[in-house]
C-alpha atoms as a PDB file:
ATOM      1  CA  MET A   1      13.335  21.439  10.883  1.00  0.00           C
ATOM      2  CA  SER A   2      11.261  23.987  12.796  1.00  0.00           C
ATOM      3  CA  TRP A   3      10.675  23.829  16.574  1.00  0.00           C
ATOM      4  CA  TYR A   4       7.022  23.021  15.832  1.00  0.00           C
ATOM      5  CA  VAL A   5       7.851  19.977  13.709  1.00  0.00           C
ATOM      6  CA  ARG A   6      10.498  18.764  16.174  1.00  0.00           C
ATOM      7  CA  ALA A   7       7.975  18.937  18.995  1.00  0.00           C
ATOM      8  CA  LEU A   8       5.299  17.279  16.863  1.00  0.00           C
ATOM      9  CA  VAL A   9       7.576  14.410  15.873  1.00  0.00           C
ATOM     10  CA  GLY A  10       8.345  13.849  19.533  1.00  0.00           C
ATOM     11  CA  LEU A  11       4.646  13.618  20.310  1.00  0.00           C
ATOM     12  CA  LEU A  12       4.112  11.198  17.429  1.00  0.00           C
ATOM     13  CA  ALA A  13       6.816   8.917  18.747  1.00  0.00           C
ATOM     14  CA  ALA A  14       4.999   8.811  22.073  1.00  0.00           C
ATOM     15  CA  ALA A  15       1.525   8.359  20.540  1.00  0.00           C
ATOM     16  CA  PRO A  16       1.937   6.797  17.061  1.00  0.00           C
ATOM     17  CA  ALA A  17      -1.745   6.067  16.513  1.00  0.00           C
ATOM     18  CA  ILE A  18      -2.668   9.708  15.819  1.00  0.00           C
ATOM     19  CA  ALA A  19      -2.440  11.586  12.500  1.00  0.00           C
ATOM     20  CA  TRP A  20      -1.453  15.074  13.637  1.00  0.00           C
ATOM     21  CA  ALA A  21      -2.722  18.248  11.983  1.00  0.00           C
ATOM     22  CA  GLY A  22      -0.102  20.782  11.011  1.00  0.00           C
ATOM     23  CA  PRO A  23       0.014  24.465  11.854  1.00  0.00           C
ATOM     24  CA  ALA A  24      -2.616  26.708  10.311  1.00  0.00           C
ATOM     25  CA  GLY A  25      -0.143  27.951   7.717  1.00  0.00           C
ATOM     26  CA  THR A  26       0.677  24.500   6.335  1.00  0.00           C
ATOM     27  CA  SER A  27      -0.047  24.666   2.575  1.00  0.00           C
ATOM     28  CA  ASN A  28      -0.416  22.178  -0.257  1.00  0.00           C
ATOM     29  CA  ALA A  29       3.094  23.173  -1.301  1.00  0.00           C
ATOM     30  CA  GLU A  30       4.244  21.147   1.704  1.00  0.00           C
ATOM     31  CA  ASN A  31       2.561  17.970   0.445  1.00  0.00           C
ATOM     32  CA  GLY A  32       5.028  15.114   0.342  1.00  0.00           C
ATOM     33  CA  ARG A  33       7.770  16.831   2.328  1.00  0.00           C
ATOM     34  CA  ILE A  34       9.414  14.307   4.635  1.00  0.00           C
ATOM     35  CA  VAL A  35      10.064  15.972   7.987  1.00  0.00           C
ATOM     36  CA  SER A  36      11.543  13.114  10.013  1.00  0.00           C
ATOM     37  CA  GLU A  37      13.260   9.764   9.636  1.00  0.00           C
ATOM     38  CA  ALA A  38      14.024   7.133  12.274  1.00  0.00           C
ATOM     39  CA  SER A  39      15.307   3.578  12.115  1.00  0.00           C
ATOM     40  CA  TRP A  40      12.648   0.909  11.739  1.00  0.00           C
ATOM     41  CA  PRO A  41      12.773  -1.924  14.311  1.00  0.00           C
ATOM     42  CA  SER A  42      14.628  -5.031  13.185  1.00  0.00           C
ATOM     43  CA  LEU A  43      12.700  -8.078  12.072  1.00  0.00           C
ATOM     44  CA  PRO A  44      12.145 -10.616  14.869  1.00  0.00           C
ATOM     45  CA  ARG A  45      13.899 -13.963  14.873  1.00  0.00           C
ATOM     46  CA  TRP A  46      12.195 -16.823  13.052  1.00  0.00           C
ATOM     47  CA  ASP A  47      11.473 -18.643  16.314  1.00  0.00           C
ATOM     48  CA  GLU A  48       9.608 -15.567  17.588  1.00  0.00           C
ATOM     49  CA  LEU A  49       6.985 -15.805  14.837  1.00  0.00           C
ATOM     50  CA  ASP A  50       3.672 -17.604  15.290  1.00  0.00           C
ATOM     51  CA  GLU A  51       2.224 -20.383  13.139  1.00  0.00           C
ATOM     52  CA  PHE A  52       0.464 -17.903  10.854  1.00  0.00           C
ATOM     53  CA  THR A  53       3.615 -15.946  10.051  1.00  0.00           C
ATOM     54  CA  HIS A  54       5.615 -19.166   9.651  1.00  0.00           C
ATOM     55  CA  GLY A  55       3.154 -20.089   6.909  1.00  0.00           C
ATOM     56  CA  TYR A  56       3.660 -16.824   5.083  1.00  0.00           C
ATOM     57  CA  PHE A  57       7.332 -17.314   4.128  1.00  0.00           C
ATOM     58  CA  THR A  58       9.780 -20.167   4.070  1.00  0.00           C
ATOM     59  CA  GLN A  59      12.430 -19.904   6.763  1.00  0.00           C
ATOM     60  CA  SER A  60      15.170 -19.562   4.135  1.00  0.00           C
ATOM     61  CA  VAL A  61      13.476 -16.570   2.467  1.00  0.00           C
ATOM     62  CA  TYR A  62      12.724 -14.915   5.792  1.00  0.00           C
ATOM     63  CA  GLU A  63      16.242 -15.373   7.179  1.00  0.00           C
ATOM     64  CA  ARG A  64      17.823 -14.141   3.936  1.00  0.00           C
ATOM     65  CA  VAL A  65      15.790 -10.935   4.009  1.00  0.00           C
ATOM     66  CA  ARG A  66      16.353 -10.484   7.736  1.00  0.00           C
ATOM     67  CA  ALA A  67      20.119 -10.733   7.216  1.00  0.00           C
ATOM     68  CA  GLN A  68      20.346  -8.306   4.293  1.00  0.00           C
ATOM     69  CA  THR A  69      22.578  -5.261   4.825  1.00  0.00           C
ATOM     70  CA  GLU A  70      22.216  -3.362   1.528  1.00  0.00           C
ATOM     71  CA  PHE A  71      19.039  -1.469   2.465  1.00  0.00           C
ATOM     72  CA  GLU A  72      17.925   0.536   5.466  1.00  0.00           C
ATOM     73  CA  VAL A  73      14.317   0.791   6.584  1.00  0.00           C
ATOM     74  CA  LEU A  74      13.116   4.138   7.907  1.00  0.00           C
ATOM     75  CA  ASP A  75      10.040   5.187   9.858  1.00  0.00           C
ATOM     76  CA  ILE A  76       9.092   8.525   8.282  1.00  0.00           C
ATOM     77  CA  ARG A  77       6.631  11.378   8.739  1.00  0.00           C
ATOM     78  CA  TYR A  78       5.509  13.442   5.755  1.00  0.00           C
ATOM     79  CA  TRP A  79       2.938  16.158   5.082  1.00  0.00           C
ATOM     80  CA  SER A  80      -0.340  15.384   3.344  1.00  0.00           C
ATOM     81  CA  ASP A  81      -3.169  17.951   3.261  1.00  0.00           C
ATOM     82  CA  GLY A  82      -1.870  19.606   6.421  1.00  0.00           C
ATOM     83  CA  LEU A  83      -1.602  16.274   8.293  1.00  0.00           C
ATOM     84  CA  LEU A  84       1.603  14.611   9.385  1.00  0.00           C
ATOM     85  CA  ILE A  85       1.344  11.040   8.089  1.00  0.00           C
ATOM     86  CA  ARG A  86       3.376   8.042   9.113  1.00  0.00           C
ATOM     87  CA  GLY A  87       5.098   5.996   6.448  1.00  0.00           C
ATOM     88  CA  MET A  88       7.917   3.606   5.633  1.00  0.00           C
ATOM     89  CA  LEU A  89      10.889   4.254   3.358  1.00  0.00           C
ATOM     90  CA  ILE A  90      13.282   1.533   2.207  1.00  0.00           C
ATOM     91  CA  ARG A  91      16.401   2.978   0.614  1.00  0.00           C
ATOM     92  CA  PRO A  92      19.876   1.727  -0.314  1.00  0.00           C
ATOM     93  CA  LYS A  93      22.473   2.494   2.329  1.00  0.00           C
ATOM     94  CA  GLN A  94      24.903   3.376  -0.448  1.00  0.00           C
ATOM     95  CA  PRO A  95      22.969   4.680  -3.488  1.00  0.00           C
ATOM     96  CA  GLY A  96      26.244   4.852  -5.405  1.00  0.00           C
ATOM     97  CA  GLY A  97      25.534   8.158  -7.056  1.00  0.00           C
ATOM     98  CA  GLN A  98      22.905   6.582  -9.284  1.00  0.00           C
ATOM     99  CA  LYS A  99      19.215   7.286  -9.691  1.00  0.00           C
ATOM    100  CA  TRP A 100      17.011   4.411  -8.544  1.00  0.00           C
ATOM    101  CA  PRO A 101      13.504   3.452  -9.681  1.00  0.00           C
ATOM    102  CA  ALA A 102      10.935   3.596  -6.875  1.00  0.00           C
ATOM    103  CA  VAL A 103       7.728   1.808  -5.940  1.00  0.00           C
ATOM    104  CA  ILE A 104       4.819   3.295  -3.997  1.00  0.00           C
ATOM    105  CA  TYR A 105       3.256   0.481  -1.971  1.00  0.00           C
ATOM    106  CA  ASN A 106      -0.385   0.728  -0.881  1.00  0.00           C
ATOM    107  CA  ARG A 107      -1.202  -1.481   2.093  1.00  0.00           C
ATOM    108  CA  GLY A 108      -4.367  -3.392   2.807  1.00  0.00           C
ATOM    109  CA  GLY A 109      -6.472  -3.292   5.943  1.00  0.00           C
ATOM    110  CA  THR A 110      -8.952  -0.829   7.410  1.00  0.00           C
ATOM    111  CA  GLY A 111      -8.348   1.766  10.105  1.00  0.00           C
ATOM    112  CA  ASP A 112      -5.962   0.315  12.688  1.00  0.00           C
ATOM    113  CA  TYR A 113      -6.140  -3.156  11.164  1.00  0.00           C
ATOM    114  CA  GLY A 114      -3.315  -3.908   8.731  1.00  0.00           C
ATOM    115  CA  ARG A 115      -1.187  -0.862   9.547  1.00  0.00           C
ATOM    116  CA  ILE A 116       2.453  -0.864   8.482  1.00  0.00           C
ATOM    117  CA  GLY A 117       3.555   0.443  11.879  1.00  0.00           C
ATOM    118  CA  ASN A 118       5.561  -1.694  14.277  1.00  0.00           C
ATOM    119  CA  TYR A 119       4.745  -0.864  17.872  1.00  0.00           C
ATOM    120  CA  GLY A 120       6.970  -3.234  19.792  1.00  0.00           C
ATOM    121  CA  VAL A 121       4.457  -6.091  19.956  1.00  0.00           C
ATOM    122  CA  PRO A 122       5.153  -9.625  18.683  1.00  0.00           C
ATOM    123  CA  CYS A 123       4.762 -10.225  14.969  1.00  0.00           C
ATOM    124  CA  LYS A 124       1.753 -12.475  14.594  1.00  0.00           C
ATOM    125  CA  GLN A 125      -1.521 -12.767  12.684  1.00  0.00           C
ATOM    126  CA  GLU A 126      -3.103  -9.877  14.626  1.00  0.00           C
ATOM    127  CA  ASN A 127      -0.047  -7.657  14.063  1.00  0.00           C
ATOM    128  CA  ASP A 128       1.446  -8.654  10.752  1.00  0.00           C
ATOM    129  CA  SER A 129       3.472  -5.520   9.977  1.00  0.00           C
ATOM    130  CA  CYS A 130       6.644  -7.612   9.756  1.00  0.00           C
ATOM    131  CA  LEU A 131       5.083  -9.392   6.785  1.00  0.00           C
ATOM    132  CA  TYR A 132       4.802  -6.115   4.876  1.00  0.00           C
ATOM    133  CA  LEU A 133       8.445  -5.424   5.634  1.00  0.00           C
ATOM    134  CA  VAL A 134       9.646  -8.792   4.340  1.00  0.00           C
ATOM    135  CA  ASP A 135       7.559  -8.439   1.161  1.00  0.00           C
ATOM    136  CA  LEU A 136       8.899  -4.949   0.514  1.00  0.00           C
ATOM    137  CA  LEU A 137      12.520  -5.847   1.251  1.00  0.00           C
ATOM    138  CA  MET A 138      12.186  -8.661  -1.285  1.00  0.00           C
ATOM    139  CA  LEU A 139      11.132  -6.015  -3.793  1.00  0.00           C
ATOM    140  CA  ALA A 140      13.899  -3.596  -2.779  1.00  0.00           C
ATOM    141  CA  GLU A 141      16.489  -6.340  -3.268  1.00  0.00           C
ATOM    142  CA  LYS A 142      15.550  -6.339  -6.949  1.00  0.00           C
ATOM    143  CA  GLY A 143      16.751  -2.747  -7.281  1.00  0.00           C
ATOM    144  CA  PHE A 144      14.018  -0.425  -6.014  1.00  0.00           C
ATOM    145  CA  VAL A 145      13.490   2.274  -3.468  1.00  0.00           C
ATOM    146  CA  VAL A 146      10.163   1.526  -1.752  1.00  0.00           C
ATOM    147  CA  ILE A 147       7.866   3.948   0.051  1.00  0.00           C
ATOM    148  CA  ALA A 148       4.523   3.296   1.750  1.00  0.00           C
ATOM    149  CA  SER A 149       1.892   5.298   3.595  1.00  0.00           C
ATOM    150  CA  ASP A 150       0.102   4.265   6.772  1.00  0.00           C
ATOM    151  CA  TYR A 151      -2.833   6.470   5.642  1.00  0.00           C
ATOM    152  CA  ARG A 152      -4.503   9.061   7.846  1.00  0.00           C
ATOM    153  CA  PHE A 153      -7.405   7.173   9.410  1.00  0.00           C
ATOM    154  CA  HIS A 154      -6.274   5.395  12.574  1.00  0.00           C
ATOM    155  CA  GLY A 155      -6.324   5.873  16.288  1.00  0.00           C
ATOM    156  CA  SER A 156      -9.209   8.169  17.157  1.00  0.00           C
ATOM    157  CA  THR A 157     -10.303   8.309  13.499  1.00  0.00           C
ATOM    158  CA  GLY A 158      -9.550   4.692  12.578  1.00  0.00           C
ATOM    159  CA  LYS A 159     -13.142   3.492  12.586  1.00  0.00           C
ATOM    160  CA  ARG A 160     -14.035   6.342  10.208  1.00  0.00           C
ATOM    161  CA  ASP A 161     -11.678   5.148   7.479  1.00  0.00           C
ATOM    162  CA  GLU A 162     -13.135   6.332   4.158  1.00  0.00           C
ATOM    163  CA  TRP A 163     -11.757   3.378   2.185  1.00  0.00           C
ATOM    164  CA  GLY A 164     -10.795   5.270  -0.946  1.00  0.00           C
ATOM    165  CA  GLY A 165     -11.713   8.827   0.043  1.00  0.00           C
ATOM    166  CA  GLN A 166      -9.505  11.577   1.429  1.00  0.00           C
ATOM    167  CA  GLU A 167      -6.703   9.154   2.311  1.00  0.00           C
ATOM    168  CA  VAL A 168      -5.965   8.607  -1.391  1.00  0.00           C
ATOM    169  CA  ASP A 169      -4.222  11.991  -1.115  1.00  0.00           C
ATOM    170  CA  ASP A 170      -1.770  10.329   1.275  1.00  0.00           C
ATOM    171  CA  VAL A 171      -0.809   7.988  -1.580  1.00  0.00           C
ATOM    172  CA  LEU A 172      -0.610  10.688  -4.240  1.00  0.00           C
ATOM    173  CA  ASN A 173       1.544  12.857  -1.980  1.00  0.00           C
ATOM    174  CA  LEU A 174       4.201  10.146  -1.952  1.00  0.00           C
ATOM    175  CA  VAL A 175       5.001  11.141  -5.545  1.00  0.00           C
ATOM    176  CA  PRO A 176       6.484  14.539  -4.564  1.00  0.00           C
ATOM    177  CA  ALA A 177       8.096  12.803  -1.569  1.00  0.00           C
ATOM    178  CA  LEU A 178       9.978  10.504  -3.937  1.00  0.00           C
ATOM    179  CA  LYS A 179      10.814  13.261  -6.400  1.00  0.00           C
ATOM    180  CA  ALA A 180      12.542  15.181  -3.608  1.00  0.00           C
ATOM    181  CA  LEU A 181      14.947  12.294  -2.917  1.00  0.00           C
ATOM    182  CA  GLU A 182      18.193  12.857  -4.806  1.00  0.00           C
ATOM    183  CA  PHE A 183      18.783   9.115  -5.316  1.00  0.00           C
ATOM    184  CA  VAL A 184      15.354   8.495  -6.960  1.00  0.00           C
ATOM    185  CA  ASP A 185      14.724   8.823 -10.695  1.00  0.00           C
ATOM    186  CA  PRO A 186      11.429  10.773 -10.925  1.00  0.00           C
ATOM    187  CA  THR A 187      10.768   9.321 -14.384  1.00  0.00           C
ATOM    188  CA  ARG A 188      10.780   5.743 -13.070  1.00  0.00           C
ATOM    189  CA  LEU A 189       8.037   5.564 -10.461  1.00  0.00           C
ATOM    190  CA  TYR A 190       5.703   2.562 -10.070  1.00  0.00           C
ATOM    191  CA  MET A 191       2.809   1.555  -7.831  1.00  0.00           C
ATOM    192  CA  LEU A 192       1.885  -1.689  -6.079  1.00  0.00           C
ATOM    193  CA  GLY A 193      -1.337  -2.231  -4.125  1.00  0.00           C
ATOM    194  CA  GLN A 194      -2.476  -5.223  -2.085  1.00  0.00           C
ATOM    195  CA  SER A 195      -6.069  -5.993  -1.071  1.00  0.00           C
ATOM    196  CA  ARG A 196      -7.704  -2.656  -0.082  1.00  0.00           C
ATOM    197  CA  GLY A 197      -4.457  -1.120  -1.342  1.00  0.00           C
ATOM    198  CA  GLY A 198      -5.403  -2.421  -4.784  1.00  0.00           C
ATOM    199  CA  THR A 199      -8.562  -0.315  -4.678  1.00  0.00           C
ATOM    200  CA  MET A 200      -6.416   2.635  -3.577  1.00  0.00           C
ATOM    201  CA  THR A 201      -4.098   1.985  -6.516  1.00  0.00           C
ATOM    202  CA  TYR A 202      -6.910   2.019  -9.078  1.00  0.00           C
ATOM    203  CA  ILE A 203      -8.290   5.268  -7.628  1.00  0.00           C
ATOM    204  CA  ALA A 204      -4.831   6.855  -7.607  1.00  0.00           C
ATOM    205  CA  LEU A 205      -4.406   5.917 -11.268  1.00  0.00           C
ATOM    206  CA  LYS A 206      -7.808   7.411 -12.080  1.00  0.00           C
ATOM    207  CA  ARG A 207      -6.659  10.617 -10.430  1.00  0.00           C
ATOM    208  CA  GLY A 208      -3.524  10.743 -12.568  1.00  0.00           C
ATOM    209  CA  ALA A 209      -0.788   9.285 -10.375  1.00  0.00           C
ATOM    210  CA  LEU A 210       2.501   9.886 -12.190  1.00  0.00           C
ATOM    211  CA  VAL A 211       3.698   6.299 -12.423  1.00  0.00           C
ATOM    212  CA  GLN A 212       4.879   4.252 -15.388  1.00  0.00           C
ATOM    213  CA  ALA A 213       3.085   1.016 -14.478  1.00  0.00           C
ATOM    214  CA  ALA A 214       1.175  -0.582 -11.611  1.00  0.00           C
ATOM    215  CA  ALA A 215       0.527  -3.978 -10.072  1.00  0.00           C
ATOM    216  CA  VAL A 216      -2.443  -5.053  -7.966  1.00  0.00           C
ATOM    217  CA  ILE A 217      -2.655  -8.115  -5.714  1.00  0.00           C
ATOM    218  CA  ALA A 218      -6.136  -9.261  -4.675  1.00  0.00           C
ATOM    219  CA  GLY A 219      -7.646  -5.814  -5.089  1.00  0.00           C
ATOM    220  CA  PRO A 220     -11.415  -5.188  -4.913  1.00  0.00           C
ATOM    221  CA  ALA A 221     -12.409  -3.565  -8.205  1.00  0.00           C
ATOM    222  CA  LEU A 222     -16.216  -3.691  -8.169  1.00  0.00           C
ATOM    223  CA  LEU A 223     -17.806  -2.558  -4.909  1.00  0.00           C
ATOM    224  CA  SER A 224     -21.512  -2.547  -4.131  1.00  0.00           C
ATOM    225  CA  ALA A 225     -23.997  -2.747  -1.269  1.00  0.00           C
ATOM    226  CA  ASP A 226     -23.816  -6.510  -1.799  1.00  0.00           C
ATOM    227  CA  THR A 227     -20.507  -6.377   0.055  1.00  0.00           C
ATOM    228  CA  LYS A 228     -19.917 -10.140   0.052  1.00  0.00           C
ATOM    229  CA  SER A 229     -19.369  -9.859  -3.685  1.00  0.00           C
ATOM    230  CA  PHE A 230     -16.083  -8.023  -3.078  1.00  0.00           C
ATOM    231  CA  ILE A 231     -14.980  -8.818   0.477  1.00  0.00           C
ATOM    232  CA  HIS A 232     -15.527 -11.539   3.057  1.00  0.00           C
ATOM    233  CA  GLY A 233     -18.245 -11.112   5.669  1.00  0.00           C
ATOM    234  CA  ASP A 234     -20.707  -8.316   6.345  1.00  0.00           C
ATOM    235  CA  TRP A 235     -18.416  -6.018   8.346  1.00  0.00           C
ATOM    236  CA  PHE A 236     -18.192  -3.441   5.539  1.00  0.00           C
ATOM    237  CA  LEU A 237     -21.860  -2.594   6.124  1.00  0.00           C
ATOM    238  CA  LYS A 238     -22.415  -3.541   9.747  1.00  0.00           C
ATOM    239  CA  GLY A 239     -19.000  -2.530  11.074  1.00  0.00           C
ATOM    240  CA  ASN A 240     -16.651  -4.316  13.483  1.00  0.00           C
ATOM    241  CA  GLU A 241     -13.978  -3.457  16.039  1.00  0.00           C
ATOM    242  CA  TRP A 242     -11.932  -1.688  13.337  1.00  0.00           C
ATOM    243  CA  PHE A 243     -14.607   0.049  11.252  1.00  0.00           C
ATOM    244  CA  ASP A 244     -17.965   1.715  11.883  1.00  0.00           C
ATOM    245  CA  GLY A 245     -19.360   0.480   8.566  1.00  0.00           C
ATOM    246  CA  ALA A 246     -19.865   2.365   5.297  1.00  0.00           C
ATOM    247  CA  PRO A 247     -23.414   3.597   6.127  1.00  0.00           C
ATOM    248  CA  LYS A 248     -22.030   5.465   9.152  1.00  0.00           C
ATOM    249  CA  VAL A 249     -18.774   6.626   7.550  1.00  0.00           C
ATOM    250  CA  TRP A 250     -19.927   7.892   4.163  1.00  0.00           C
ATOM    251  CA  PRO A 251     -22.154  11.012   4.539  1.00  0.00           C
ATOM    252  CA  ASN A 252     -25.739  10.738   3.291  1.00  0.00           C
ATOM    253  CA  TYR A 253     -25.220   7.063   2.604  1.00  0.00           C
ATOM    254  CA  GLU A 254     -28.858   6.312   1.826  1.00  0.00           C
ATOM    255  CA  GLN A 255     -28.954   8.914  -0.944  1.00  0.00           C
ATOM    256  CA  ARG A 256     -25.373   8.574  -2.213  1.00  0.00           C
ATOM    257  CA  ALA A 257     -24.444   4.916  -1.739  1.00  0.00           C
ATOM    258  CA  ASP A 258     -24.345   4.162  -5.478  1.00  0.00           C
ATOM    259  CA  GLU A 259     -22.054   7.146  -6.036  1.00  0.00           C
ATOM    260  CA  TYR A 260     -19.646   6.044  -3.291  1.00  0.00           C
ATOM    261  CA  TYR A 261     -19.416   2.480  -4.563  1.00  0.00           C
ATOM    262  CA  ARG A 262     -18.964   3.619  -8.151  1.00  0.00           C
ATOM    263  CA  ASP A 263     -16.160   6.007  -7.199  1.00  0.00           C
ATOM    264  CA  ARG A 264     -14.294   3.018  -5.755  1.00  0.00           C
ATOM    265  CA  SER A 265     -15.073   0.530  -8.549  1.00  0.00           C
ATOM    266  CA  ALA A 266     -12.444   0.556 -11.283  1.00  0.00           C
ATOM    267  CA  VAL A 267     -14.443  -1.999 -13.279  1.00  0.00           C
ATOM    268  CA  LEU A 268     -16.917   0.814 -13.986  1.00  0.00           C
ATOM    269  CA  TRP A 269     -14.326   3.311 -15.291  1.00  0.00           C
ATOM    270  CA  PRO A 270     -11.594   1.329 -17.101  1.00  0.00           C
ATOM    271  CA  GLU A 271     -11.221   4.161 -19.625  1.00  0.00           C
ATOM    272  CA  LYS A 272      -9.557   6.171 -16.833  1.00  0.00           C
ATOM    273  CA  ILE A 273      -6.789   3.604 -16.276  1.00  0.00           C
ATOM    274  CA  ASN A 274      -4.035   4.838 -18.544  1.00  0.00           C
ATOM    275  CA  VAL A 275      -0.955   2.974 -17.349  1.00  0.00           C
ATOM    276  CA  PRO A 276      -0.174  -0.747 -17.763  1.00  0.00           C
ATOM    277  CA  VAL A 277      -1.582  -2.839 -14.895  1.00  0.00           C
ATOM    278  CA  LEU A 278      -0.527  -6.291 -13.724  1.00  0.00           C
ATOM    279  CA  ILE A 279      -3.455  -7.982 -11.940  1.00  0.00           C
ATOM    280  CA  MET A 280      -2.616 -10.894  -9.621  1.00  0.00           C
ATOM    281  CA  HIS A 281      -4.970 -13.020  -7.532  1.00  0.00           C
ATOM    282  CA  GLY A 282      -5.213 -16.395  -5.837  1.00  0.00           C
ATOM    283  CA  ARG A 283      -8.072 -18.658  -6.873  1.00  0.00           C
ATOM    284  CA  MET A 284      -8.416 -19.838  -3.255  1.00  0.00           C
ATOM    285  CA  ASP A 285      -8.676 -16.308  -1.844  1.00  0.00           C
ATOM    286  CA  LYS A 286     -11.261 -16.385   0.964  1.00  0.00           C
ATOM    287  CA  LEU A 287     -11.180 -12.638   1.631  1.00  0.00           C
ATOM    288  CA  VAL A 288     -11.553 -11.047  -1.814  1.00  0.00           C
ATOM    289  CA  PRO A 289     -13.127 -13.275  -4.502  1.00  0.00           C
ATOM    290  CA  VAL A 290     -10.987 -14.005  -7.536  1.00  0.00           C
ATOM    291  CA  THR A 291     -13.922 -12.811  -9.677  1.00  0.00           C
ATOM    292  CA  GLN A 292     -12.839  -9.270  -8.786  1.00  0.00           C
ATOM    293  CA  ALA A 293      -9.634  -9.767 -10.775  1.00  0.00           C
ATOM    294  CA  LEU A 294     -11.478 -11.441 -13.644  1.00  0.00           C
ATOM    295  CA  ARG A 295     -14.015  -8.602 -13.901  1.00  0.00           C
ATOM    296  CA  MET A 296     -11.239  -5.995 -13.865  1.00  0.00           C
ATOM    297  CA  ALA A 297      -9.328  -7.779 -16.607  1.00  0.00           C
ATOM    298  CA  GLU A 298     -12.510  -8.050 -18.675  1.00  0.00           C
ATOM    299  CA  ALA A 299     -13.157  -4.311 -18.269  1.00  0.00           C
ATOM    300  CA  LEU A 300      -9.615  -3.383 -19.314  1.00  0.00           C
ATOM    301  CA  GLN A 301      -9.803  -5.791 -22.242  1.00  0.00           C
ATOM    302  CA  SER A 302     -13.045  -4.202 -23.457  1.00  0.00           C
ATOM    303  CA  HIS A 303     -11.319  -0.791 -23.535  1.00  0.00           C
ATOM    304  CA  ASP A 304      -8.133  -2.058 -25.204  1.00  0.00           C
ATOM    305  CA  LYS A 305      -6.002  -1.184 -22.164  1.00  0.00           C
ATOM    306  CA  VAL A 306      -2.573  -2.637 -21.446  1.00  0.00           C
ATOM    307  CA  TYR A 307      -2.765  -5.260 -18.686  1.00  0.00           C
ATOM    308  CA  SER A 308      -1.703  -8.746 -17.701  1.00  0.00           C
ATOM    309  CA  LEU A 309      -3.649 -11.199 -15.541  1.00  0.00           C
ATOM    310  CA  VAL A 310      -2.030 -13.878 -13.357  1.00  0.00           C
ATOM    311  CA  ILE A 311      -4.189 -16.286 -11.346  1.00  0.00           C
ATOM    312  CA  TYR A 312      -2.493 -18.698  -8.931  1.00  0.00           C
ATOM    313  CA  GLY A 313      -4.666 -21.789  -8.824  1.00  0.00           C
ATOM    314  CA  SER A 314      -3.941 -22.954  -5.279  1.00  0.00           C
ATOM    315  CA  ASP A 315      -2.982 -19.749  -3.467  1.00  0.00           C
ATOM    316  CA  GLY A 316      -4.866 -17.409  -1.186  1.00  0.00           C
ATOM    317  CA  HIS A 317      -5.217 -13.707  -0.435  1.00  0.00           C
ATOM    318  CA  SER A 318      -1.564 -12.686  -0.068  1.00  0.00           C
ATOM    319  CA  LEU A 319      -0.110 -15.158  -2.581  1.00  0.00           C
ATOM    320  CA  SER A 320       2.216 -16.311   0.193  1.00  0.00           C
ATOM    321  CA  LYS A 321       2.733 -19.740  -1.371  1.00  0.00           C
ATOM    322  CA  ASN A 322       4.197 -18.008  -4.399  1.00  0.00           C
ATOM    323  CA  ALA A 323       5.964 -15.069  -2.731  1.00  0.00           C
ATOM    324  CA  GLU A 324       9.153 -15.297  -4.773  1.00  0.00           C
ATOM    325  CA  ASP A 325       7.368 -15.899  -8.076  1.00  0.00           C
ATOM    326  CA  ARG A 326       4.949 -13.050  -7.279  1.00  0.00           C
ATOM    327  CA  THR A 327       7.865 -10.673  -6.669  1.00  0.00           C
ATOM    328  CA  ARG A 328       9.627 -11.856  -9.829  1.00  0.00           C
ATOM    329  CA  ARG A 329       6.554 -11.178 -11.962  1.00  0.00           C
ATOM    330  CA  ILE A 330       6.062  -7.719 -10.461  1.00  0.00           C
ATOM    331  CA  VAL A 331       9.696  -6.789 -11.114  1.00  0.00           C
ATOM    332  CA  GLU A 332       9.535  -8.112 -14.679  1.00  0.00           C
ATOM    333  CA  TRP A 333       6.369  -6.075 -15.262  1.00  0.00           C
ATOM    334  CA  PHE A 334       7.986  -2.892 -13.998  1.00  0.00           C
ATOM    335  CA  ASP A 335      11.143  -3.642 -15.983  1.00  0.00           C
ATOM    336  CA  GLN A 336       9.011  -3.989 -19.097  1.00  0.00           C
ATOM    337  CA  TYR A 337       8.061  -0.341 -18.562  1.00  0.00           C
ATOM    338  CA  GLY A 338      11.486   1.093 -17.915  1.00  0.00           C
ATOM    339  CA  ALA A 339      12.412   0.270 -14.319  1.00  0.00           C
ATOM    340  CA  HIS A 340      15.778  -1.222 -15.270  1.00  0.00           C
ATOM    341  CA  SER A 341      17.442  -1.299 -18.658  1.00  0.00           C
ATOM    342  CA  VAL A 342      18.596  -4.814 -17.760  1.00  0.00           C
ATOM    343  CA  ALA A 343      16.541  -6.858 -15.309  1.00  0.00           C
ATOM    344  CA  ARG A 344      18.387  -7.675 -12.100  1.00  0.00           C
END
């Protein structure tokens, strides 16, 4: 590791909310190169969680995952378009000389809201990064390496999050990151997106992400200026404490709004989805309407694409009431497309 990267990683540790630009000579050949790894903070005790997080998992599931010793969780930095991006890597402590399948996880949220980072503050509704970790450890336990990006727009740029723009590169650049890991099988890569991460997943697939199959949980798939049709509230247009609003973020919004929404609406380009997709949604979702999943399934059906649709009748946005069944279905879907020769 060069002196420049060592110094930069030190600065990132002190100020984790900034995506740092690399030296002028940083090239696309560097995309995906992991330059640092550090231990991720341990999950808090059950009695340290608030009411919201208690409702997300049963105590038995949470304590089982918290006690696991097979996998280590790493706080990583990797290059993407000349920026040093924060991410998470979950890997087996003892790979055993075998090649593991891997999942790229695309988080939800906007700007600084919903980040995967853990910054030493209590795990609660306003800082639910521990929930991502439990979800992803549940997936890793089924026999996967898991990697996730925190995306580039946060800190000073957080309110300018493009929501499916340049930061999609941060997802695509996790493919070479995984291929460089000696314990990962580069022919068995998969993608999972939740909420906004579902939109990111569809766009990554459109752009040719080299994965064998994908799964989307509560992902917006048909965006428009009628923002309540795809997400709760009017913050996407008017902005809030996390986001300036699409009209201020997307250049020439008045002239190009239709183009921006279309570019982020997989329902309008199902012919470009060329890997099998598992679509999951809760009928009681108050953040992203279940009709988004139904419209996406209808679009894929009309183009004879490979997909499966699962609607949980009494669950909400994160499918927390069905966390174990949700994970089981995702694993079975990935196994159907080569993840494991025999399902674990």
